[in-house]
């Protein structure tokens, strides 16, 4: 199954103050990288913006992280159709526009699951199910998704 993740998952991958979340985020990021799943380029942009603003990593380390992701996973640029669809989804589902944009691009890339801490856990938007991997009630689904053998 194709999964994507929101920017907060990538940020938690480097969060020394939240070891449990860091471990879960690490599993998700590694899963996606091993499979070479394309990711919305917006994730890279938001990651770099937050790292710079909050000084979570040295900028050179953040850039190398994005370069490593790009070597494994193509970054998909936003299309005009994505912008329009995201606006409609944000209005319909009462979610933040940029969250809706990640959903739209993830779906275009073939994702069925989008891991995110700050979107509506369990909501299905445009064929993509939002899952908060840090919610203990999702532990079984998380393990099932991440431990499944690759298809194809």
Foldseek 3Di string as FASTA:
>chain_A
DDEAEALVLVVLCLDPVDVVSVVLSVLVLVLCLVVQQAAACVSLVVNLVCCVVVVSDPSVVSVVVVVSNCVRHPHDYDDPVLQVQLVVQCVVVVDDSVVSSRVSVSVVSPEQEYEDQPDDAQDADPNHHYHDCPPVVCVVVSCCVSVDDDDD
